[in-house]
């Protein structure tokens, strides 16, 4: 079984096709590698091997700074105290 860095319910993206959706299922077919199924925003179900998927957005907090990363966009960092002043 592959090691994956996402779980059911995460928003993930297929790095080969660009399809994005909510992870809804993992399964191992008889004749091929482990698969991941997503529910796309338009309601379709799409599946591809687990190795082709990654989280569409990751968020981390380090040194009182929240950083959001996306595969195609640059990182965005915001100091936590700024968010608190804005009511976040």
N, C-alpha and C. Protein backbone atom coordinates (compact mmCIF):
# COMPACT_ATOMS: atom_id res chain seq x y z
N UNK A 1 0.84 -1.18 0.00
CA UNK A 1 0.00 0.00 0.00
C UNK A 1 0.88 1.25 0.00
N UNK A 2 0.49 2.26 -0.75
CA UNK A 2 1.25 3.50 -0.87
C UNK A 2 1.09 4.35 0.38
N UNK A 3 2.11 5.16 0.66
CA UNK A 3 1.99 6.13 1.74
C UNK A 3 1.39 7.40 1.16
N UNK A 4 0.28 7.83 1.69
CA UNK A 4 -0.36 9.03 1.16
C UNK A 4 -0.30 10.16 2.18
N UNK A 5 -0.36 11.37 1.69
CA UNK A 5 -0.26 12.53 2.56
C UNK A 5 -1.59 13.28 2.63
N UNK A 6 -2.67 12.54 2.45
CA UNK A 6 -4.01 13.11 2.51
C UNK A 6 -4.97 12.02 2.97
N UNK A 7 -6.16 12.43 3.35
CA UNK A 7 -7.16 11.49 3.86
C UNK A 7 -8.52 11.78 3.25
N UNK A 8 -9.48 10.93 3.57
CA UNK A 8 -10.86 11.14 3.15
C UNK A 8 -11.30 12.52 3.65
N UNK A 9 -11.95 13.27 2.79
CA UNK A 9 -12.43 14.60 3.15
C UNK A 9 -11.50 15.73 2.74
N UNK A 10 -10.23 15.42 2.45
CA UNK A 10 -9.29 16.46 2.02
C UNK A 10 -9.56 16.88 0.58
N UNK A 11 -9.27 18.12 0.28
CA UNK A 11 -9.35 18.61 -1.10
C UNK A 11 -8.00 18.30 -1.75
N UNK A 12 -8.04 17.50 -2.82
CA UNK A 12 -6.80 17.06 -3.47
C UNK A 12 -6.85 17.32 -4.96
N UNK A 13 -5.67 17.25 -5.59
CA UNK A 13 -5.55 17.51 -7.01
C UNK A 13 -4.71 16.42 -7.67
N UNK A 14 -5.13 15.97 -8.84
CA UNK A 14 -4.35 15.02 -9.64
C UNK A 14 -3.26 15.81 -10.36
N UNK A 15 -2.00 15.50 -10.09
CA UNK A 15 -0.90 16.26 -10.67
C UNK A 15 -0.74 16.00 -12.16
N UNK A 16 -1.32 14.93 -12.67
CA UNK A 16 -1.22 14.61 -14.09
C UNK A 16 -2.29 15.30 -14.93
N UNK A 17 -3.51 15.38 -14.40
CA UNK A 17 -4.63 15.93 -15.17
C UNK A 17 -5.13 17.28 -14.68
N UNK A 18 -4.81 17.64 -13.44
CA UNK A 18 -5.30 18.89 -12.87
C UNK A 18 -6.68 18.79 -12.26
N UNK A 19 -7.30 17.61 -12.28
CA UNK A 19 -8.62 17.43 -11.67
C UNK A 19 -8.52 17.67 -10.16
N UNK A 20 -9.47 18.44 -9.62
CA UNK A 20 -9.50 18.76 -8.20
C UNK A 20 -10.82 18.30 -7.63
N UNK A 21 -10.80 17.78 -6.41
CA UNK A 21 -12.04 17.38 -5.77
C UNK A 21 -11.81 16.97 -4.33
N UNK A 22 -12.89 16.54 -3.70
CA UNK A 22 -12.86 16.07 -2.31
C UNK A 22 -12.62 14.57 -2.33
N UNK A 23 -11.62 14.12 -1.59
CA UNK A 23 -11.29 12.70 -1.52
C UNK A 23 -12.44 11.95 -0.83
N UNK A 24 -12.98 10.92 -1.53
CA UNK A 24 -14.10 10.18 -0.95
C UNK A 24 -13.83 8.70 -0.76
N UNK A 25 -12.75 8.16 -1.37
CA UNK A 25 -12.56 6.72 -1.27
C UNK A 25 -11.14 6.31 -1.66
N UNK A 26 -10.62 5.27 -0.98
CA UNK A 26 -9.39 4.59 -1.37
C UNK A 26 -9.75 3.14 -1.64
N UNK A 27 -9.18 2.54 -2.66
CA UNK A 27 -9.45 1.13 -2.92
C UNK A 27 -8.31 0.51 -3.72
N UNK A 28 -8.22 -0.82 -3.65
CA UNK A 28 -7.17 -1.55 -4.36
C UNK A 28 -7.83 -2.53 -5.33
N UNK A 29 -7.83 -2.19 -6.62
CA UNK A 29 -8.39 -3.11 -7.62
C UNK A 29 -7.53 -4.38 -7.71
N UNK A 30 -8.09 -5.42 -8.26
CA UNK A 30 -7.39 -6.69 -8.37
C UNK A 30 -6.13 -6.59 -9.24
N UNK A 31 -6.20 -5.86 -10.33
CA UNK A 31 -5.12 -5.91 -11.31
C UNK A 31 -4.28 -4.64 -11.46
N UNK A 32 -4.41 -3.69 -10.55
CA UNK A 32 -3.58 -2.48 -10.69
C UNK A 32 -3.33 -1.86 -9.31
N UNK A 33 -2.60 -0.76 -9.31
CA UNK A 33 -2.20 -0.14 -8.05
C UNK A 33 -3.36 0.54 -7.32
N UNK A 34 -3.11 0.87 -6.06
CA UNK A 34 -4.12 1.50 -5.21
C UNK A 34 -4.64 2.78 -5.85
N UNK A 35 -5.93 3.00 -5.75
CA UNK A 35 -6.59 4.13 -6.39
C UNK A 35 -7.21 5.06 -5.36
N UNK A 36 -7.41 6.31 -5.77
CA UNK A 36 -8.11 7.31 -4.98
C UNK A 36 -9.26 7.83 -5.81
N UNK A 37 -10.43 7.97 -5.19
CA UNK A 37 -11.58 8.53 -5.89
C UNK A 37 -11.92 9.88 -5.25
N UNK A 38 -12.23 10.85 -6.11
CA UNK A 38 -12.65 12.17 -5.63
C UNK A 38 -14.02 12.50 -6.18
N UNK A 39 -14.71 13.37 -5.47
CA UNK A 39 -15.96 13.94 -5.94
C UNK A 39 -15.61 15.36 -6.40
N UNK A 40 -15.76 15.62 -7.70
CA UNK A 40 -15.40 16.92 -8.24
C UNK A 40 -16.48 17.95 -7.92
N UNK A 41 -16.17 19.22 -8.12
CA UNK A 41 -17.12 20.29 -7.81
C UNK A 41 -18.40 20.20 -8.63
N UNK A 42 -18.33 19.60 -9.83
CA UNK A 42 -19.54 19.47 -10.66
C UNK A 42 -20.26 18.14 -10.44
N UNK A 43 -19.87 17.38 -9.40
CA UNK A 43 -20.59 16.18 -9.03
C UNK A 43 -20.10 14.88 -9.65
N UNK A 44 -19.08 14.94 -10.51
CA UNK A 44 -18.55 13.72 -11.11
C UNK A 44 -17.63 13.02 -10.13
N UNK A 45 -17.50 11.70 -10.31
CA UNK A 45 -16.53 10.91 -9.54
C UNK A 45 -15.37 10.61 -10.47
N UNK A 46 -14.16 10.85 -9.99
CA UNK A 46 -12.97 10.67 -10.80
C UNK A 46 -11.96 9.88 -9.98
N UNK A 47 -11.27 8.96 -10.62
CA UNK A 47 -10.26 8.20 -9.88
C UNK A 47 -8.97 8.09 -10.66
N UNK A 48 -7.88 7.94 -9.90
CA UNK A 48 -6.53 7.80 -10.46
C UNK A 48 -5.66 7.17 -9.36
N UNK A 49 -4.49 6.65 -9.74
CA UNK A 49 -3.60 6.06 -8.74
C UNK A 49 -3.23 7.06 -7.64
N UNK A 50 -3.08 6.56 -6.43
CA UNK A 50 -2.76 7.41 -5.27
C UNK A 50 -1.51 8.24 -5.50
N UNK A 51 -0.51 7.68 -6.19
CA UNK A 51 0.75 8.40 -6.40
C UNK A 51 0.58 9.69 -7.20
N UNK A 52 -0.55 9.86 -7.90
CA UNK A 52 -0.78 11.05 -8.71
C UNK A 52 -1.52 12.16 -7.98
N UNK A 53 -1.89 11.94 -6.74
CA UNK A 53 -2.67 12.93 -5.99
C UNK A 53 -1.82 13.63 -4.93
N UNK A 54 -2.14 14.89 -4.70
CA UNK A 54 -1.56 15.63 -3.58
C UNK A 54 -2.58 16.63 -3.09
N UNK A 55 -2.39 17.08 -1.85
CA UNK A 55 -3.32 18.07 -1.29
C UNK A 55 -3.32 19.31 -2.17
N UNK A 56 -4.50 19.86 -2.41
CA UNK A 56 -4.62 21.07 -3.21
C UNK A 56 -4.15 22.30 -2.44
N UNK A 57 -4.25 22.24 -1.11
CA UNK A 57 -3.85 23.36 -0.27
C UNK A 57 -3.35 22.82 1.05
N UNK A 58 -2.19 23.26 1.48
CA UNK A 58 -1.68 22.89 2.79
C UNK A 58 -1.48 24.16 3.61
N UNK A 59 -1.75 24.06 4.89
CA UNK A 59 -1.62 25.21 5.79
C UNK A 59 -0.73 24.80 6.96
N UNK A 60 0.24 25.65 7.29
CA UNK A 60 1.10 25.37 8.44
C UNK A 60 1.26 26.63 9.29
N UNK A 61 1.58 26.44 10.56
CA UNK A 61 1.82 27.56 11.47
C UNK A 61 3.21 27.38 12.05
N UNK A 62 4.08 28.36 11.82
CA UNK A 62 5.44 28.34 12.36
C UNK A 62 5.81 29.74 12.81
N UNK A 63 6.36 29.85 13.98
CA UNK A 63 6.82 31.14 14.52
C UNK A 63 5.72 32.20 14.45
N UNK A 64 4.50 31.83 14.83
CA UNK A 64 3.36 32.74 14.83
C UNK A 64 3.02 33.30 13.46
N UNK A 65 3.33 32.56 12.40
CA UNK A 65 2.97 32.95 11.04
C UNK A 65 2.23 31.78 10.39
N UNK A 66 1.06 32.05 9.82
CA UNK A 66 0.29 31.04 9.10
C UNK A 66 0.71 31.10 7.64
N UNK A 67 1.09 29.94 7.08
CA UNK A 67 1.49 29.87 5.68
C UNK A 67 0.58 28.91 4.94
N UNK A 68 0.02 29.36 3.83
CA UNK A 68 -0.80 28.51 2.97
C UNK A 68 -0.03 28.27 1.68
N UNK A 69 0.03 27.00 1.28
CA UNK A 69 0.77 26.64 0.07
C UNK A 69 -0.15 25.92 -0.92
N UNK A 70 0.05 26.20 -2.17
CA UNK A 70 -0.71 25.58 -3.24
C UNK A 70 0.29 25.17 -4.32
N UNK A 71 0.04 24.06 -5.01
CA UNK A 71 0.98 23.57 -6.02
C UNK A 71 1.27 24.61 -7.10
N UNK A 72 0.26 25.39 -7.51
CA UNK A 72 0.43 26.32 -8.62
C UNK A 72 0.62 27.77 -8.20
N UNK A 73 0.26 28.09 -6.96
CA UNK A 73 0.39 29.47 -6.50
C UNK A 73 1.56 29.60 -5.55
N UNK A 74 2.08 30.80 -5.42
CA UNK A 74 3.14 31.04 -4.44
C UNK A 74 2.57 30.92 -3.03
N UNK A 75 3.45 30.72 -2.07
CA UNK A 75 3.04 30.66 -0.67
C UNK A 75 2.52 32.02 -0.22
N UNK A 76 1.55 31.99 0.67
CA UNK A 76 1.01 33.21 1.26
C UNK A 76 1.19 33.07 2.76
N UNK A 77 1.87 34.04 3.39
CA UNK A 77 2.11 34.01 4.84
C UNK A 77 1.50 35.23 5.49
N UNK A 78 0.82 35.01 6.62
CA UNK A 78 0.18 36.09 7.36
C UNK A 78 0.49 35.93 8.84
N UNK A 79 1.01 36.98 9.49
CA UNK A 79 1.25 36.90 10.93
C UNK A 79 -0.06 36.67 11.69
N UNK A 80 -0.03 35.79 12.68
CA UNK A 80 -1.23 35.46 13.45
C UNK A 80 -1.79 36.70 14.13
N UNK A 81 -0.92 37.57 14.65
CA UNK A 81 -1.44 38.75 15.34
C UNK A 81 -2.22 39.67 14.40
N UNK A 82 -1.89 39.71 13.12
CA UNK A 82 -2.64 40.49 12.16
C UNK A 82 -4.05 39.90 11.98
N UNK A 83 -4.13 38.57 11.89
CA UNK A 83 -5.44 37.93 11.77
C UNK A 83 -6.29 38.19 13.00
N UNK A 84 -5.67 38.18 14.18
CA UNK A 84 -6.41 38.43 15.41
C UNK A 84 -6.96 39.86 15.44
N UNK A 85 -6.17 40.81 14.95
CA UNK A 85 -6.65 42.19 14.89
C UNK A 85 -7.80 42.36 13.90
N UNK A 86 -7.81 41.50 12.87
CA UNK A 86 -8.90 41.57 11.88
C UNK A 86 -10.11 40.75 12.29
N UNK A 87 -10.03 40.10 13.45
CA UNK A 87 -11.15 39.32 13.94
C UNK A 87 -11.13 37.88 13.50
N UNK A 88 -9.98 37.37 12.98
CA UNK A 88 -9.88 35.99 12.49
C UNK A 88 -9.47 35.00 13.51
